[in-house]
């Protein structure tokens, strides 16, 4: 088994863009490696969203403590 690869840059068809052969012929070991190539900022975005949610949770927990 070779692993993951990008078959097409389109979400609704399998017709590949053959001007980007390097993207379609490279195989990846896991989904994270694919994301690192097609969406380099995904980790920063994930960490930002996670930090915001944790701040919201901590804030709501503090408000609940004041009520009780």
N, C-alpha and C. Protein backbone atom coordinates (compact mmCIF):
# COMPACT_ATOMS: atom_id res chain seq x y z
N UNK A 1 0.84 -1.18 0.00
CA UNK A 1 0.00 0.00 0.00
C UNK A 1 0.89 1.24 0.00
N UNK A 2 0.58 2.19 -0.87
CA UNK A 2 1.40 3.39 -1.00
C UNK A 2 1.03 4.48 -0.01
N UNK A 3 -0.22 4.63 0.34
CA UNK A 3 -0.62 5.68 1.27
C UNK A 3 -1.61 6.65 0.66
N UNK A 4 -1.65 7.84 1.22
CA UNK A 4 -2.58 8.89 0.79
C UNK A 4 -1.98 9.66 -0.38
N UNK A 5 -2.86 10.17 -1.26
CA UNK A 5 -2.41 11.10 -2.29
C UNK A 5 -3.57 11.97 -2.72
N UNK A 6 -3.26 13.12 -3.28
CA UNK A 6 -4.28 14.05 -3.77
C UNK A 6 -4.63 13.62 -5.19
N UNK A 7 -5.90 13.30 -5.41
CA UNK A 7 -6.33 12.84 -6.73
C UNK A 7 -6.76 14.01 -7.62
N UNK A 8 -7.25 15.09 -7.01
CA UNK A 8 -7.74 16.22 -7.77
C UNK A 8 -7.84 17.43 -6.85
N UNK A 9 -7.60 18.63 -7.37
CA UNK A 9 -7.78 19.82 -6.55
C UNK A 9 -9.26 20.23 -6.45
N UNK A 10 -10.11 19.53 -7.17
CA UNK A 10 -11.55 19.83 -7.19
C UNK A 10 -12.27 18.99 -6.15
N UNK A 11 -13.32 19.53 -5.56
CA UNK A 11 -14.08 18.78 -4.56
C UNK A 11 -15.21 17.97 -5.17
N UNK A 12 -15.54 18.26 -6.43
CA UNK A 12 -16.71 17.61 -7.02
C UNK A 12 -16.40 16.70 -8.21
N UNK A 13 -15.12 16.46 -8.49
CA UNK A 13 -14.78 15.56 -9.60
C UNK A 13 -13.38 15.01 -9.39
N UNK A 14 -13.04 13.99 -10.14
CA UNK A 14 -11.73 13.36 -10.03
C UNK A 14 -10.78 13.80 -11.14
N UNK A 15 -11.17 14.77 -11.95
CA UNK A 15 -10.29 15.23 -13.02
C UNK A 15 -9.14 16.01 -12.40
N UNK A 16 -7.95 15.50 -12.57
CA UNK A 16 -6.78 16.13 -11.97
C UNK A 16 -6.29 17.32 -12.77
N UNK A 17 -5.57 18.19 -12.11
CA UNK A 17 -4.92 19.32 -12.77
C UNK A 17 -3.51 18.86 -13.09
N UNK A 18 -3.26 18.54 -14.34
CA UNK A 18 -1.99 17.94 -14.71
C UNK A 18 -0.86 18.95 -14.83
N UNK A 19 -1.13 20.22 -14.52
CA UNK A 19 -0.04 21.19 -14.44
C UNK A 19 0.65 21.10 -13.09
N UNK A 20 0.06 20.36 -12.15
CA UNK A 20 0.63 20.18 -10.81
C UNK A 20 0.91 18.69 -10.57
N UNK A 21 1.67 18.08 -11.45
CA UNK A 21 1.93 16.64 -11.35
C UNK A 21 2.57 16.25 -10.03
N UNK A 22 3.42 17.10 -9.49
CA UNK A 22 4.08 16.79 -8.22
C UNK A 22 3.09 16.58 -7.09
N UNK A 23 1.98 17.30 -7.12
CA UNK A 23 0.97 17.16 -6.09
C UNK A 23 0.23 15.83 -6.22
N UNK A 24 0.00 15.39 -7.45
CA UNK A 24 -0.80 14.18 -7.67
C UNK A 24 0.00 12.89 -7.64
N UNK A 25 1.31 12.99 -7.73
CA UNK A 25 2.13 11.78 -7.75
C UNK A 25 2.84 11.52 -6.42
N UNK A 26 2.73 12.46 -5.49
CA UNK A 26 3.36 12.29 -4.18
C UNK A 26 2.42 11.55 -3.25
N UNK A 27 2.95 10.57 -2.55
CA UNK A 27 2.17 9.80 -1.58
C UNK A 27 2.55 10.21 -0.16
N UNK A 28 1.55 10.20 0.72
CA UNK A 28 1.73 10.61 2.11
C UNK A 28 1.41 9.45 3.04
N UNK A 29 2.04 9.44 4.19
CA UNK A 29 1.81 8.37 5.17
C UNK A 29 0.51 8.54 5.95
N UNK A 30 0.08 9.80 6.12
CA UNK A 30 -1.13 10.04 6.92
C UNK A 30 -1.79 11.35 6.49
N UNK A 31 -2.98 11.59 7.01
CA UNK A 31 -3.75 12.77 6.63
C UNK A 31 -3.05 14.06 7.06
N UNK A 32 -2.35 14.04 8.17
CA UNK A 32 -1.66 15.26 8.63
C UNK A 32 -0.60 15.70 7.62
N UNK A 33 0.11 14.76 7.02
CA UNK A 33 1.10 15.11 6.00
C UNK A 33 0.43 15.74 4.79
N UNK A 34 -0.74 15.25 4.42
CA UNK A 34 -1.49 15.84 3.30
C UNK A 34 -1.84 17.28 3.65
N UNK A 35 -2.38 17.50 4.84
CA UNK A 35 -2.77 18.85 5.26
C UNK A 35 -1.57 19.80 5.31
N UNK A 36 -0.42 19.31 5.72
CA UNK A 36 0.78 20.15 5.77
C UNK A 36 1.11 20.71 4.39
N UNK A 37 0.82 19.95 3.34
CA UNK A 37 1.12 20.39 1.97
C UNK A 37 0.01 21.25 1.40
N UNK A 38 -1.25 20.82 1.53
CA UNK A 38 -2.34 21.56 0.88
C UNK A 38 -2.87 22.71 1.72
N UNK A 39 -2.59 22.72 3.02
CA UNK A 39 -3.05 23.79 3.90
C UNK A 39 -2.01 24.04 4.99
N UNK A 40 -0.91 24.70 4.64
CA UNK A 40 0.19 24.85 5.60
C UNK A 40 -0.20 25.54 6.90
N UNK A 41 -1.20 26.38 6.90
CA UNK A 41 -1.59 27.10 8.11
C UNK A 41 -2.61 26.39 8.96
N UNK A 42 -2.92 25.13 8.64
CA UNK A 42 -4.00 24.45 9.36
C UNK A 42 -3.70 24.28 10.85
N UNK A 43 -2.45 24.04 11.21
CA UNK A 43 -2.12 23.86 12.63
C UNK A 43 -2.28 25.15 13.41
N UNK A 44 -1.84 26.27 12.82
CA UNK A 44 -2.00 27.56 13.50
C UNK A 44 -3.48 27.87 13.71
N UNK A 45 -4.29 27.63 12.69
CA UNK A 45 -5.72 27.89 12.81
C UNK A 45 -6.34 26.98 13.88
N UNK A 46 -5.99 25.72 13.87
CA UNK A 46 -6.51 24.78 14.86
C UNK A 46 -6.15 25.23 16.27
N UNK A 47 -4.88 25.61 16.47
CA UNK A 47 -4.44 26.04 17.80
C UNK A 47 -5.15 27.32 18.24
N UNK A 48 -5.36 28.26 17.30
CA UNK A 48 -6.07 29.49 17.63
C UNK A 48 -7.50 29.21 18.05
N UNK A 49 -8.19 28.37 17.30
CA UNK A 49 -9.58 28.04 17.62
C UNK A 49 -9.65 27.29 18.95
N UNK A 50 -8.75 26.35 19.17
CA UNK A 50 -8.73 25.61 20.42
C UNK A 50 -8.49 26.54 21.61
N UNK A 51 -7.55 27.46 21.49
CA UNK A 51 -7.26 28.40 22.58
C UNK A 51 -8.48 29.28 22.87
N UNK A 52 -9.16 29.75 21.82
CA UNK A 52 -10.37 30.56 22.01
C UNK A 52 -11.44 29.77 22.74
N UNK A 53 -11.65 28.54 22.33
CA UNK A 53 -12.68 27.71 22.98
C UNK A 53 -12.34 27.42 24.43
N UNK A 54 -11.08 27.17 24.71
CA UNK A 54 -10.67 26.92 26.09
C UNK A 54 -10.84 28.17 26.95
N UNK A 55 -10.55 29.35 26.38
CA UNK A 55 -10.78 30.60 27.12
C UNK A 55 -12.27 30.79 27.40
N UNK A 56 -13.11 30.50 26.41
CA UNK A 56 -14.56 30.61 26.60
C UNK A 56 -15.02 29.65 27.68
N UNK A 57 -14.51 28.45 27.66
CA UNK A 57 -14.88 27.44 28.65
C UNK A 57 -14.46 27.89 30.05
N UNK A 58 -13.22 28.37 30.16
CA UNK A 58 -12.72 28.82 31.47
C UNK A 58 -13.54 30.00 31.97
N UNK A 59 -13.92 30.89 31.08
CA UNK A 59 -14.73 32.04 31.45
C UNK A 59 -16.11 31.60 31.93
N UNK A 60 -16.71 30.66 31.22
CA UNK A 60 -18.05 30.20 31.61
C UNK A 60 -17.99 29.41 32.92
N UNK A 61 -16.90 28.69 33.16
CA UNK A 61 -16.74 27.97 34.42
C UNK A 61 -16.63 28.96 35.58
N UNK A 62 -15.91 30.06 35.36
CA UNK A 62 -15.77 31.08 36.39
C UNK A 62 -17.10 31.72 36.72
N UNK A 63 -17.92 31.95 35.71
CA UNK A 63 -19.25 32.53 35.92
C UNK A 63 -20.14 31.56 36.68
N UNK A 64 -20.02 30.27 36.39
CA UNK A 64 -20.83 29.27 37.08
C UNK A 64 -20.44 29.19 38.56
N UNK A 65 -19.15 29.34 38.86
CA UNK A 65 -18.70 29.31 40.25
C UNK A 65 -19.28 30.48 41.04
N UNK A 66 -19.42 31.64 40.38
CA UNK A 66 -19.96 32.81 41.06
C UNK A 66 -21.44 32.62 41.37
N UNK A 67 -22.15 31.89 40.53
CA UNK A 67 -23.59 31.67 40.73
C UNK A 67 -23.81 30.76 41.93
N UNK A 68 -22.99 29.74 42.08
CA UNK A 68 -23.16 28.78 43.16
C UNK A 68 -22.35 29.23 44.31
